[in-house]
Amino acid sequence: MQKRLLALAILAASASVSTQADIVGASAGAYMWKQSWDGHVKSGPDSIDMNDDLGYDDETGKSFYVALEHPVPVLPNIRLQRTDLDISESNQLSRNFTFEGDVYTAADTVNSTTDLTHTDATLYYEILDNWVNLDVGLTVRMFDGEVRLATTGREGSIELDAPVPMAYVNARFDLPLTGLYASALANVISYSDSSVTDMSVGLGYEFGVVGLELGYRNFDVDLEDDGEEAKVTVDGYFFGVVIDI
């Protein structure tokens, strides 16, 4: 009798674990992103072109995320993502401009860094969960960056370190019996004279709990505040590995 009760207890525990596995899920991903930079910054009367004045071209960045979904209906799921988004160059100027009260002159060699690295904390709800998966929620994007210019005897910077709330939409479309899927993700906000738009689309192939993704990401930031301005576009293709359990 004791052996039979023990066997039943083991079966019940196994069923409980299996049920929890069906309703509690986690995923994580790591990406390499080939970034093309374009745009301008301003802190004073002159607009400074990132390509012509600062010599920006391409850079490679990384992005990582983890997400946890649970069975409690009233509580949102959570997703955390970190994106490295920075570039540094040294370039000889062909014209004069003013930045942060300092005049930079033609033939000066300017060392510059633009850092838009950020961490996203997202709370979301799963609206659809079949061959079409749809999540909607709110992201708080915490920038940890700056725009910095320096040459002999002169240095100035614009701090970019404010939290930004953004609408979040994440969709995935599975092609049954193939392992292939398409995905699209967007974080957006527009207020006053500023906006931030971050959108990506991708194609993936999943085998077991591992997926490989290839896609395109476009990040636009347009910030204006008390004479300071940053209008930057970073876009390019990415490749990633995703684990979904």
Protein backbone atom coordinates (compact mmCIF):
# COMPACT_ATOMS: atom_id res chain seq x y z
CA MET A 1 0.00 0.00 0.00
CA GLN A 2 2.78 2.43 0.93
CA LYS A 3 4.54 1.74 -2.39
CA ARG A 4 1.29 2.38 -4.27
CA LEU A 5 0.71 5.67 -2.42
CA LEU A 6 4.30 6.72 -3.13
CA ALA A 7 3.87 5.97 -6.83
CA LEU A 8 0.66 8.01 -6.94
CA ALA A 9 2.40 10.89 -5.20
CA ILE A 10 5.23 10.83 -7.74
CA LEU A 11 2.74 10.79 -10.62
CA ALA A 12 0.81 13.70 -9.11
CA ALA A 13 3.99 15.71 -8.64
CA SER A 14 5.05 14.99 -12.22
CA ALA A 15 1.66 16.09 -13.52
CA SER A 16 1.89 19.31 -11.48
CA VAL A 17 5.33 20.10 -12.88
CA SER A 18 4.12 19.34 -16.41
CA THR A 19 1.11 21.64 -15.95
CA GLN A 20 3.31 24.45 -14.66
CA ALA A 21 5.67 23.99 -17.61
CA ASP A 22 2.71 24.46 -19.97
CA ILE A 23 1.65 27.77 -18.42
CA VAL A 24 4.92 29.34 -17.29
CA GLY A 25 7.31 30.30 -20.05
CA ALA A 26 10.62 32.06 -20.46
CA SER A 27 12.59 33.24 -23.47
CA ALA A 28 15.92 34.90 -24.12
CA GLY A 29 17.75 36.22 -27.15
CA ALA A 30 21.13 37.60 -28.20
CA TYR A 31 21.70 39.64 -31.36
CA MET A 32 24.49 41.19 -33.37
CA TRP A 33 23.34 44.37 -35.13
CA LYS A 34 25.19 45.99 -38.06
CA GLN A 35 24.45 49.68 -37.47
CA SER A 36 24.50 52.48 -40.05
CA TRP A 37 24.48 55.96 -38.42
CA ASP A 38 22.99 59.13 -39.87
CA GLY A 39 21.65 62.44 -38.55
CA HIS A 40 22.79 65.57 -36.76
CA VAL A 41 23.18 67.07 -33.30
CA LYS A 42 23.00 70.67 -32.14
CA SER A 43 23.90 72.62 -29.01
CA GLY A 44 24.15 76.20 -30.17
CA PRO A 45 23.49 77.91 -33.50
CA ASP A 46 24.99 75.22 -35.75
CA SER A 47 23.74 71.80 -36.81
CA ILE A 48 26.56 69.22 -36.80
CA ASP A 49 26.24 66.46 -39.37
CA MET A 50 27.27 63.03 -38.09
CA ASN A 51 28.59 61.85 -41.46
CA ASP A 52 30.12 64.96 -43.01
CA ASP A 53 31.44 66.64 -39.84
CA LEU A 54 32.09 63.75 -37.46
CA GLY A 55 32.97 61.03 -39.97
CA TYR A 56 30.41 58.47 -38.75
CA ASP A 57 29.82 55.41 -40.88
CA ASP A 58 29.01 51.88 -39.64
CA GLU A 59 29.34 50.17 -36.29
CA THR A 60 28.42 46.79 -34.83
CA GLY A 61 26.38 46.57 -31.64
CA LYS A 62 24.87 43.89 -29.43
CA SER A 63 21.42 43.43 -27.94
CA PHE A 64 20.19 40.96 -25.32
CA TYR A 65 16.76 40.27 -23.83
CA VAL A 66 15.01 37.98 -21.37
CA ALA A 67 11.24 37.59 -20.92
CA LEU A 68 9.04 35.77 -18.42
CA GLU A 69 5.38 34.87 -18.90
CA HIS A 70 3.18 33.54 -16.09
CA PRO A 71 -0.40 32.26 -15.67
CA VAL A 72 -1.81 35.07 -13.45
CA PRO A 73 -4.27 36.96 -15.72
CA VAL A 74 -4.28 40.37 -13.99
CA LEU A 75 -0.50 40.67 -13.69
CA PRO A 76 1.56 41.69 -16.72
CA ASN A 77 4.44 39.66 -18.08
CA ILE A 78 7.90 41.20 -18.01
CA ARG A 79 10.64 41.68 -20.59
CA LEU A 80 14.07 43.23 -20.09
CA GLN A 81 16.34 44.22 -22.98
CA ARG A 82 19.74 45.90 -23.22
CA THR A 83 21.02 47.43 -26.47
CA ASP A 84 24.56 48.70 -27.02
CA LEU A 85 24.29 51.69 -29.33
CA ASP A 86 27.40 53.85 -29.47
CA ILE A 87 29.98 55.05 -31.96
CA SER A 88 33.29 56.92 -31.65
CA GLU A 89 35.29 58.55 -34.45
CA SER A 90 38.15 60.99 -35.04
CA ASN A 91 37.71 63.33 -38.01
CA GLN A 92 39.33 66.46 -39.43
CA LEU A 93 36.82 69.29 -39.86
CA SER A 94 36.26 71.08 -43.17
CA ARG A 95 34.24 73.95 -41.70
CA ASN A 96 33.67 75.97 -38.52
CA PHE A 97 30.82 75.30 -36.07
CA THR A 98 29.87 76.05 -32.47
CA PHE A 99 29.01 73.35 -29.94
CA GLU A 100 28.30 73.98 -26.25
CA GLY A 101 29.69 77.53 -26.53
CA ASP A 102 33.02 76.49 -28.07
CA VAL A 103 34.03 77.21 -31.65
CA TYR A 104 35.50 74.29 -33.57
CA THR A 105 37.41 75.42 -36.65
CA ALA A 106 38.29 73.94 -40.02
CA ALA A 107 41.37 71.69 -39.86
CA ASP A 108 40.69 70.83 -36.19
CA THR A 109 40.74 67.10 -35.48
CA VAL A 110 37.65 66.34 -33.44
CA ASN A 111 37.20 63.20 -31.36
CA SER A 112 33.52 62.46 -30.89
CA THR A 113 31.31 59.88 -29.22
CA THR A 114 27.58 59.43 -29.58
CA ASP A 115 26.10 56.98 -27.11
CA LEU A 116 22.42 55.99 -27.26
CA THR A 117 22.83 52.78 -25.24
CA HIS A 118 19.61 51.92 -23.42
CA THR A 119 17.83 49.41 -21.20
CA ASP A 120 14.16 48.56 -21.75
CA ALA A 121 11.85 47.39 -18.97
CA THR A 122 8.58 46.23 -20.51
CA LEU A 123 5.33 45.14 -18.87
CA TYR A 124 2.98 43.49 -21.35
CA TYR A 125 -0.07 41.28 -21.81
CA GLU A 126 -0.40 38.39 -24.23
CA ILE A 127 -3.48 39.12 -26.36
CA LEU A 128 -3.21 36.20 -28.81
CA ASP A 129 -1.45 32.86 -28.37
CA ASN A 130 -1.85 30.47 -31.30
CA TRP A 131 -0.22 30.57 -34.74
CA VAL A 132 -0.43 34.34 -34.30
CA ASN A 133 1.15 35.64 -31.09
CA LEU A 134 0.46 39.23 -30.10
CA ASP A 135 1.78 41.10 -27.05
CA VAL A 136 0.97 44.71 -26.13
CA GLY A 137 2.22 46.77 -23.22
CA LEU A 138 4.36 49.63 -21.97
CA THR A 139 8.14 50.02 -22.17
CA VAL A 140 10.21 52.37 -20.05
CA ARG A 141 13.42 53.00 -21.99
CA MET A 142 16.29 54.22 -19.83
CA PHE A 143 18.98 55.93 -21.88
CA ASP A 144 22.51 55.97 -20.50
CA GLY A 145 24.36 58.07 -23.02
CA GLU A 146 25.67 61.34 -24.36
CA VAL A 147 27.03 63.20 -27.36
CA ARG A 148 30.61 64.34 -26.69
CA LEU A 149 32.99 66.37 -28.86
CA ALA A 150 36.59 67.17 -27.98
CA THR A 151 39.61 68.78 -29.60
CA THR A 152 42.72 70.50 -28.24
CA GLY A 153 41.63 72.75 -25.38
CA ARG A 154 37.91 72.33 -25.99
CA GLU A 155 35.34 69.74 -24.95
CA GLY A 156 31.55 69.73 -24.72
CA SER A 157 28.77 67.21 -24.24
CA ILE A 158 25.00 66.73 -24.30
CA GLU A 159 23.68 64.27 -21.73
CA LEU A 160 21.11 61.71 -22.92
CA ASP A 161 20.07 59.89 -19.77
CA ALA A 162 16.31 60.39 -19.30
CA PRO A 163 13.74 57.56 -18.98
CA VAL A 164 11.26 57.50 -21.88
CA PRO A 165 7.87 55.68 -21.71
CA MET A 166 6.93 53.97 -24.98
CA ALA A 167 4.07 51.91 -26.37
CA TYR A 168 5.09 48.28 -26.99
CA VAL A 169 3.74 45.84 -29.62
CA ASN A 170 5.32 42.48 -30.41
CA ALA A 171 3.86 40.06 -32.97
CA ARG A 172 4.92 36.66 -34.25
CA PHE A 173 3.40 34.62 -37.08
CA ASP A 174 4.17 30.90 -37.12
CA LEU A 175 4.01 28.92 -40.36
CA PRO A 176 2.55 25.57 -39.24
CA LEU A 177 4.61 22.40 -39.67
CA THR A 178 7.63 24.27 -41.04
CA GLY A 179 9.52 25.73 -38.07
CA LEU A 180 9.55 29.08 -39.90
CA TYR A 181 8.11 32.26 -38.42
CA ALA A 182 7.96 36.00 -39.05
CA SER A 183 8.14 38.63 -36.32
CA ALA A 184 7.66 42.36 -35.86
CA LEU A 185 8.36 44.51 -32.81
CA ALA A 186 7.76 48.21 -32.19
CA ASN A 187 8.44 50.66 -29.38
CA VAL A 188 7.13 54.16 -30.15
CA ILE A 189 6.34 57.51 -28.53
CA SER A 190 5.74 61.03 -29.82
CA TYR A 191 5.30 64.09 -27.61
CA SER A 192 5.67 67.83 -28.20
CA ASP A 193 8.60 68.26 -30.65
CA SER A 194 10.25 64.95 -29.75
CA SER A 195 9.74 61.34 -30.77
CA VAL A 196 11.41 57.96 -30.47
CA THR A 197 10.59 55.12 -32.87
CA ASP A 198 12.23 51.71 -32.70
CA MET A 199 10.96 49.04 -35.10
CA SER A 200 12.26 45.69 -36.26
CA VAL A 201 11.06 42.88 -38.52
CA GLY A 202 12.57 39.44 -38.87
CA LEU A 203 12.36 35.91 -40.21
CA GLY A 204 13.30 32.94 -38.09
CA TYR A 205 13.64 29.19 -38.06
CA GLU A 206 12.96 27.25 -34.89
CA PHE A 207 14.14 23.75 -34.07
CA GLY A 208 13.19 22.54 -30.62
CA VAL A 209 13.57 25.40 -28.17
CA VAL A 210 16.23 27.21 -30.23
CA GLY A 211 15.57 29.68 -33.01
CA LEU A 212 17.78 31.57 -35.47
CA GLU A 213 16.63 35.00 -36.63
CA LEU A 214 17.64 37.37 -39.42
CA GLY A 215 16.05 40.79 -39.61
CA TYR A 216 16.20 44.54 -39.99
CA ARG A 217 15.98 47.16 -37.21
CA ASN A 218 15.38 50.91 -37.57
CA PHE A 219 15.87 53.25 -34.61
CA ASP A 220 14.91 56.94 -34.91
CA VAL A 221 15.35 59.47 -32.13
CA ASP A 222 14.30 63.12 -32.44
CA LEU A 223 14.89 65.04 -29.21
CA GLU A 224 14.73 68.81 -28.66
CA ASP A 225 15.23 70.61 -25.36
CA ASP A 226 16.30 74.21 -24.61
CA GLY A 227 18.36 74.70 -27.76
CA GLU A 228 19.83 71.20 -27.70
CA GLU A 229 18.83 68.84 -30.47
CA ALA A 230 19.58 65.28 -31.49
CA LYS A 231 18.05 63.81 -34.63
CA VAL A 232 19.63 60.42 -35.22
CA THR A 233 18.76 57.37 -37.30
CA VAL A 234 20.49 54.05 -36.75
CA ASP A 235 19.44 51.13 -38.92
CA GLY A 236 20.75 47.89 -40.31
CA TYR A 237 20.47 44.11 -40.39
CA PHE A 238 20.75 41.86 -37.36
CA PHE A 239 21.32 38.17 -36.68
CA GLY A 240 20.31 36.48 -33.46
CA VAL A 241 19.81 33.30 -31.47
CA VAL A 242 16.62 32.86 -29.43
CA ILE A 243 15.76 30.30 -26.77
CA ASP A 244 12.07 29.78 -25.93
CA ILE A 245 11.03 27.36 -23.18
